[in-house]
């Protein structure tokens, strides 16, 4: 895929796979790389990428990847500043490792993995990436409509790319 002129969004961009993906996209010529994370470190990472690229290509945004309002705001801002994002790497992820059922040796009772942790991990690692992808598809569809284009046809070039991330952390306990 030709990355030149393309706008990318990376969640979890302040560290790990997200940081590496953002740096590589900028290195391969993406026009703009928007890094999203809950950590302010995302600004430092963006600056590092800009220095390495010797141009302003990366920008950080801080917020909760599971928040639909924040997700829409990221796409609104990226589109207004650069163009419709057509590359997405939803790399934000968390772990809350524990056994599903753990025996408390002192009381002889079992402790079940907290459902709140399960819901949080599922929201961040599964649902949010899907909805970031749906948001990108929706924005591309709106852009096509605004340009008078109808339904996508297979003879056209690819309109967007989503890279879903898997991790050995998923193996857990």
C-alpha atoms as a PDB file:
ATOM      1  CA  UNK A   1       0.000   0.000   0.000  1.00  0.00           C
ATOM      2  CA  UNK A   2       1.280   3.423  -0.919  1.00  0.00           C
ATOM      3  CA  UNK A   3       1.341   5.450   2.316  1.00  0.00           C
ATOM      4  CA  UNK A   4       2.325   8.803   0.801  1.00  0.00           C
ATOM      5  CA  UNK A   5      -0.366  11.386   1.422  1.00  0.00           C
ATOM      6  CA  UNK A   6      -2.334   9.081   3.723  1.00  0.00           C
ATOM      7  CA  UNK A   7      -3.580   9.955   7.200  1.00  0.00           C
ATOM      8  CA  UNK A   8      -3.255   7.326   9.918  1.00  0.00           C
ATOM      9  CA  UNK A   9      -4.670   6.998  13.419  1.00  0.00           C
ATOM     10  CA  UNK A  10      -3.016   4.764  15.997  1.00  0.00           C
ATOM     11  CA  UNK A  11      -4.594   4.070  19.385  1.00  0.00           C
ATOM     12  CA  UNK A  12      -2.230   3.051  22.156  1.00  0.00           C
ATOM     13  CA  UNK A  13       0.345   5.260  20.462  1.00  0.00           C
ATOM     14  CA  UNK A  14       2.320   6.189  23.583  1.00  0.00           C
ATOM     15  CA  UNK A  15       4.070   2.832  23.944  1.00  0.00           C
ATOM     16  CA  UNK A  16       4.592  -0.692  22.690  1.00  0.00           C
ATOM     17  CA  UNK A  17       3.092  -1.853  19.414  1.00  0.00           C
ATOM     18  CA  UNK A  18       1.236   1.432  18.884  1.00  0.00           C
ATOM     19  CA  UNK A  19       4.382   3.508  19.246  1.00  0.00           C
ATOM     20  CA  UNK A  20       6.300   1.218  16.885  1.00  0.00           C
ATOM     21  CA  UNK A  21       3.481   1.234  14.300  1.00  0.00           C
ATOM     22  CA  UNK A  22       3.271   5.045  14.382  1.00  0.00           C
ATOM     23  CA  UNK A  23       7.018   5.412  13.890  1.00  0.00           C
ATOM     24  CA  UNK A  24       7.010   2.941  11.002  1.00  0.00           C
ATOM     25  CA  UNK A  25       4.060   4.611   9.249  1.00  0.00           C
ATOM     26  CA  UNK A  26       5.797   7.993   9.479  1.00  0.00           C
ATOM     27  CA  UNK A  27       9.067   6.438   8.313  1.00  0.00           C
ATOM     28  CA  UNK A  28       7.305   4.940   5.290  1.00  0.00           C
ATOM     29  CA  UNK A  29       5.873   8.296   4.248  1.00  0.00           C
ATOM     30  CA  UNK A  30       2.438   8.678   5.802  1.00  0.00           C
ATOM     31  CA  UNK A  31       1.439  12.325   5.547  1.00  0.00           C
ATOM     32  CA  UNK A  32       0.035  12.501   9.063  1.00  0.00           C
ATOM     33  CA  UNK A  33       0.072  10.083  11.964  1.00  0.00           C
ATOM     34  CA  UNK A  34      -2.321  10.820  14.823  1.00  0.00           C
ATOM     35  CA  UNK A  35      -1.298   9.007  17.998  1.00  0.00           C
ATOM     36  CA  UNK A  36      -4.038   8.441  20.567  1.00  0.00           C
ATOM     37  CA  UNK A  37      -3.440   7.355  24.149  1.00  0.00           C
ATOM     38  CA  UNK A  38      -4.553   7.927  27.736  1.00  0.00           C
ATOM     39  CA  UNK A  39      -1.001   8.961  28.617  1.00  0.00           C
ATOM     40  CA  UNK A  40       0.545  12.389  28.051  1.00  0.00           C
ATOM     41  CA  UNK A  41       3.607  10.483  26.855  1.00  0.00           C
ATOM     42  CA  UNK A  42       1.892  10.428  23.463  1.00  0.00           C
ATOM     43  CA  UNK A  43       3.122  14.016  22.930  1.00  0.00           C
ATOM     44  CA  UNK A  44       6.728  12.997  23.571  1.00  0.00           C
ATOM     45  CA  UNK A  45       6.402  10.064  21.166  1.00  0.00           C
ATOM     46  CA  UNK A  46       4.936  12.340  18.477  1.00  0.00           C
ATOM     47  CA  UNK A  47       7.813  14.781  18.882  1.00  0.00           C
ATOM     48  CA  UNK A  48      10.361  11.957  18.648  1.00  0.00           C
ATOM     49  CA  UNK A  49       8.721  10.727  15.440  1.00  0.00           C
ATOM     50  CA  UNK A  50       8.728  14.257  13.999  1.00  0.00           C
ATOM     51  CA  UNK A  51      12.434  14.703  14.762  1.00  0.00           C
ATOM     52  CA  UNK A  52      13.287  11.330  13.193  1.00  0.00           C
ATOM     53  CA  UNK A  53      11.202  12.143  10.087  1.00  0.00           C
ATOM     54  CA  UNK A  54      12.647  15.669   9.911  1.00  0.00           C
ATOM     55  CA  UNK A  55       9.121  16.995   9.320  1.00  0.00           C
ATOM     56  CA  UNK A  56       5.873  17.511  11.189  1.00  0.00           C
ATOM     57  CA  UNK A  57       4.003  14.284  10.584  1.00  0.00           C
ATOM     58  CA  UNK A  58       2.934  13.044  14.029  1.00  0.00           C
ATOM     59  CA  UNK A  59       0.593  14.565  16.548  1.00  0.00           C
ATOM     60  CA  UNK A  60      -0.669  13.265  19.874  1.00  0.00           C
ATOM     61  CA  UNK A  61      -4.153  13.316  21.348  1.00  0.00           C
ATOM     62  CA  UNK A  62      -4.988  12.268  24.898  1.00  0.00           C
ATOM     63  CA  UNK A  63      -8.233  10.523  25.742  1.00  0.00           C
ATOM     64  CA  UNK A  64     -10.064   7.289  26.423  1.00  0.00           C
ATOM     65  CA  UNK A  65     -10.170   4.993  23.377  1.00  0.00           C
ATOM     66  CA  UNK A  66     -13.429   3.490  24.650  1.00  0.00           C
ATOM     67  CA  UNK A  67     -15.228   6.865  24.651  1.00  0.00           C
ATOM     68  CA  UNK A  68     -17.376   7.300  21.499  1.00  0.00           C
ATOM     69  CA  UNK A  69     -17.282  11.104  21.812  1.00  0.00           C
ATOM     70  CA  UNK A  70     -13.493  11.125  21.976  1.00  0.00           C
ATOM     71  CA  UNK A  71     -13.276   8.746  19.001  1.00  0.00           C
ATOM     72  CA  UNK A  72     -15.516  11.026  16.914  1.00  0.00           C
ATOM     73  CA  UNK A  73     -13.509  14.091  17.978  1.00  0.00           C
ATOM     74  CA  UNK A  74     -10.244  12.442  16.890  1.00  0.00           C
ATOM     75  CA  UNK A  75     -11.681  11.701  13.442  1.00  0.00           C
ATOM     76  CA  UNK A  76     -13.213  15.198  13.210  1.00  0.00           C
ATOM     77  CA  UNK A  77      -9.915  16.893  14.054  1.00  0.00           C
ATOM     78  CA  UNK A  78      -7.764  14.639  11.866  1.00  0.00           C
ATOM     79  CA  UNK A  79     -10.109  15.146   8.912  1.00  0.00           C
ATOM     80  CA  UNK A  80     -10.261  18.917   9.379  1.00  0.00           C
ATOM     81  CA  UNK A  81      -6.484  19.280   9.684  1.00  0.00           C
ATOM     82  CA  UNK A  82      -5.244  16.685   7.191  1.00  0.00           C
ATOM     83  CA  UNK A  83      -7.803  14.571   5.341  1.00  0.00           C
ATOM     84  CA  UNK A  84     -10.018  11.579   6.009  1.00  0.00           C
ATOM     85  CA  UNK A  85      -7.974   8.959   7.875  1.00  0.00           C
ATOM     86  CA  UNK A  86      -7.595   5.849   5.744  1.00  0.00           C
ATOM     87  CA  UNK A  87      -5.167   3.882   7.896  1.00  0.00           C
ATOM     88  CA  UNK A  88      -6.078   2.698  11.381  1.00  0.00           C
ATOM     89  CA  UNK A  89      -4.051   0.704  13.883  1.00  0.00           C
ATOM     90  CA  UNK A  90      -6.188   0.222  17.006  1.00  0.00           C
ATOM     91  CA  UNK A  91      -3.323  -0.943  19.231  1.00  0.00           C
ATOM     92  CA  UNK A  92      -4.575   0.198  22.648  1.00  0.00           C
ATOM     93  CA  UNK A  93      -4.776  -2.762  24.985  1.00  0.00           C
ATOM     94  CA  UNK A  94      -4.801  -3.632  28.654  1.00  0.00           C
ATOM     95  CA  UNK A  95      -4.400  -6.710  30.834  1.00  0.00           C
ATOM     96  CA  UNK A  96      -5.947  -7.533  34.169  1.00  0.00           C
ATOM     97  CA  UNK A  97      -4.413 -10.974  34.642  1.00  0.00           C
ATOM     98  CA  UNK A  98      -5.764 -13.297  37.255  1.00  0.00           C
ATOM     99  CA  UNK A  99      -7.088 -16.804  37.475  1.00  0.00           C
ATOM    100  CA  UNK A 100     -10.738 -17.240  36.464  1.00  0.00           C
ATOM    101  CA  UNK A 101     -11.324 -19.168  39.690  1.00  0.00           C
ATOM    102  CA  UNK A 102      -8.886 -18.921  42.570  1.00  0.00           C
ATOM    103  CA  UNK A 103      -9.077 -20.888  45.793  1.00  0.00           C
ATOM    104  CA  UNK A 104      -8.525 -18.840  48.944  1.00  0.00           C
ATOM    105  CA  UNK A 105      -6.487 -21.246  51.074  1.00  0.00           C
ATOM    106  CA  UNK A 106      -7.335 -19.445  54.319  1.00  0.00           C
ATOM    107  CA  UNK A 107     -11.121 -19.437  53.909  1.00  0.00           C
ATOM    108  CA  UNK A 108     -11.564 -22.481  51.674  1.00  0.00           C
ATOM    109  CA  UNK A 109     -13.796 -20.354  49.414  1.00  0.00           C
ATOM    110  CA  UNK A 110     -13.298 -19.601  45.754  1.00  0.00           C
ATOM    111  CA  UNK A 111     -12.760 -16.143  44.355  1.00  0.00           C
ATOM    112  CA  UNK A 112     -14.106 -15.547  40.867  1.00  0.00           C
ATOM    113  CA  UNK A 113     -12.406 -13.163  38.440  1.00  0.00           C
ATOM    114  CA  UNK A 114     -14.193  -9.824  38.813  1.00  0.00           C
ATOM    115  CA  UNK A 115     -16.700  -9.178  36.052  1.00  0.00           C
ATOM    116  CA  UNK A 116     -15.735  -5.484  36.092  1.00  0.00           C
ATOM    117  CA  UNK A 117     -12.209  -6.443  35.000  1.00  0.00           C
ATOM    118  CA  UNK A 118     -13.566  -8.739  32.285  1.00  0.00           C
ATOM    119  CA  UNK A 119     -15.845  -5.982  30.953  1.00  0.00           C
ATOM    120  CA  UNK A 120     -13.028  -3.409  30.985  1.00  0.00           C
ATOM    121  CA  UNK A 121     -10.566  -5.671  29.160  1.00  0.00           C
ATOM    122  CA  UNK A 122     -13.225  -6.648  26.620  1.00  0.00           C
ATOM    123  CA  UNK A 123     -14.193  -3.006  26.070  1.00  0.00           C
ATOM    124  CA  UNK A 124     -10.598  -1.832  25.515  1.00  0.00           C
ATOM    125  CA  UNK A 125      -9.197  -4.838  23.647  1.00  0.00           C
ATOM    126  CA  UNK A 126     -12.171  -6.004  21.558  1.00  0.00           C
ATOM    127  CA  UNK A 127     -15.057  -3.550  21.288  1.00  0.00           C
ATOM    128  CA  UNK A 128     -13.128  -0.286  21.005  1.00  0.00           C
ATOM    129  CA  UNK A 129     -10.927  -1.468  18.092  1.00  0.00           C
ATOM    130  CA  UNK A 130     -14.016  -2.616  16.182  1.00  0.00           C
ATOM    131  CA  UNK A 131     -15.742   0.723  16.708  1.00  0.00           C
ATOM    132  CA  UNK A 132     -12.641   2.704  15.689  1.00  0.00           C
ATOM    133  CA  UNK A 133     -12.671   0.662  12.463  1.00  0.00           C
ATOM    134  CA  UNK A 134     -16.402   1.247  11.945  1.00  0.00           C
ATOM    135  CA  UNK A 135     -15.830   4.981  12.492  1.00  0.00           C
ATOM    136  CA  UNK A 136     -13.158   5.018   9.795  1.00  0.00           C
ATOM    137  CA  UNK A 137     -15.383   3.144   7.335  1.00  0.00           C
ATOM    138  CA  UNK A 138     -18.216   5.601   8.057  1.00  0.00           C
ATOM    139  CA  UNK A 139     -15.930   8.595   7.450  1.00  0.00           C
ATOM    140  CA  UNK A 140     -14.679   7.126   4.165  1.00  0.00           C
ATOM    141  CA  UNK A 141     -18.292   6.483   3.076  1.00  0.00           C
ATOM    142  CA  UNK A 142     -19.248  10.092   3.889  1.00  0.00           C
ATOM    143  CA  UNK A 143     -16.231  11.363   1.952  1.00  0.00           C
ATOM    144  CA  UNK A 144     -17.181   9.247  -1.063  1.00  0.00           C
ATOM    145  CA  UNK A 145     -20.757  10.536  -0.946  1.00  0.00           C
ATOM    146  CA  UNK A 146     -19.554  14.136  -0.709  1.00  0.00           C
ATOM    147  CA  UNK A 147     -17.481  13.519  -3.853  1.00  0.00           C
ATOM    148  CA  UNK A 148     -20.500  12.094  -5.687  1.00  0.00           C
ATOM    149  CA  UNK A 149     -19.178   8.550  -5.602  1.00  0.00           C
ATOM    150  CA  UNK A 150     -21.550   5.659  -5.135  1.00  0.00           C
ATOM    151  CA  UNK A 151     -20.956   2.239  -3.686  1.00  0.00           C
ATOM    152  CA  UNK A 152     -17.351   1.016  -3.760  1.00  0.00           C
ATOM    153  CA  UNK A 153     -16.511  -1.244  -6.669  1.00  0.00           C
ATOM    154  CA  UNK A 154     -13.777  -3.911  -6.554  1.00  0.00           C
ATOM    155  CA  UNK A 155     -12.059  -2.371  -9.594  1.00  0.00           C
ATOM    156  CA  UNK A 156     -11.329   0.713  -7.465  1.00  0.00           C
ATOM    157  CA  UNK A 157      -8.252   0.957  -5.287  1.00  0.00           C
ATOM    158  CA  UNK A 158      -8.445   0.062  -1.629  1.00  0.00           C
ATOM    159  CA  UNK A 159     -10.123   2.862   0.299  1.00  0.00           C
ATOM    160  CA  UNK A 160      -8.717   2.178   3.753  1.00  0.00           C
ATOM    161  CA  UNK A 161      -6.749  -0.256   5.857  1.00  0.00           C
ATOM    162  CA  UNK A 162      -7.235  -1.442   9.418  1.00  0.00           C
ATOM    163  CA  UNK A 163      -4.508  -3.407  11.179  1.00  0.00           C
ATOM    164  CA  UNK A 164      -5.951  -5.303  14.128  1.00  0.00           C
ATOM    165  CA  UNK A 165      -3.400  -6.301  16.754  1.00  0.00           C
ATOM    166  CA  UNK A 166      -3.064  -9.559  18.627  1.00  0.00           C
ATOM    167  CA  UNK A 167      -0.749 -10.056  21.560  1.00  0.00           C
ATOM    168  CA  UNK A 168       0.725 -12.913  23.556  1.00  0.00           C
ATOM    169  CA  UNK A 169      -0.863 -11.164  26.548  1.00  0.00           C
ATOM    170  CA  UNK A 170      -4.122 -12.662  25.327  1.00  0.00           C
ATOM    171  CA  UNK A 171      -2.846 -16.033  26.539  1.00  0.00           C
ATOM    172  CA  UNK A 172      -2.996 -14.715  30.106  1.00  0.00           C
ATOM    173  CA  UNK A 173      -3.381 -17.068  33.044  1.00  0.00           C
END
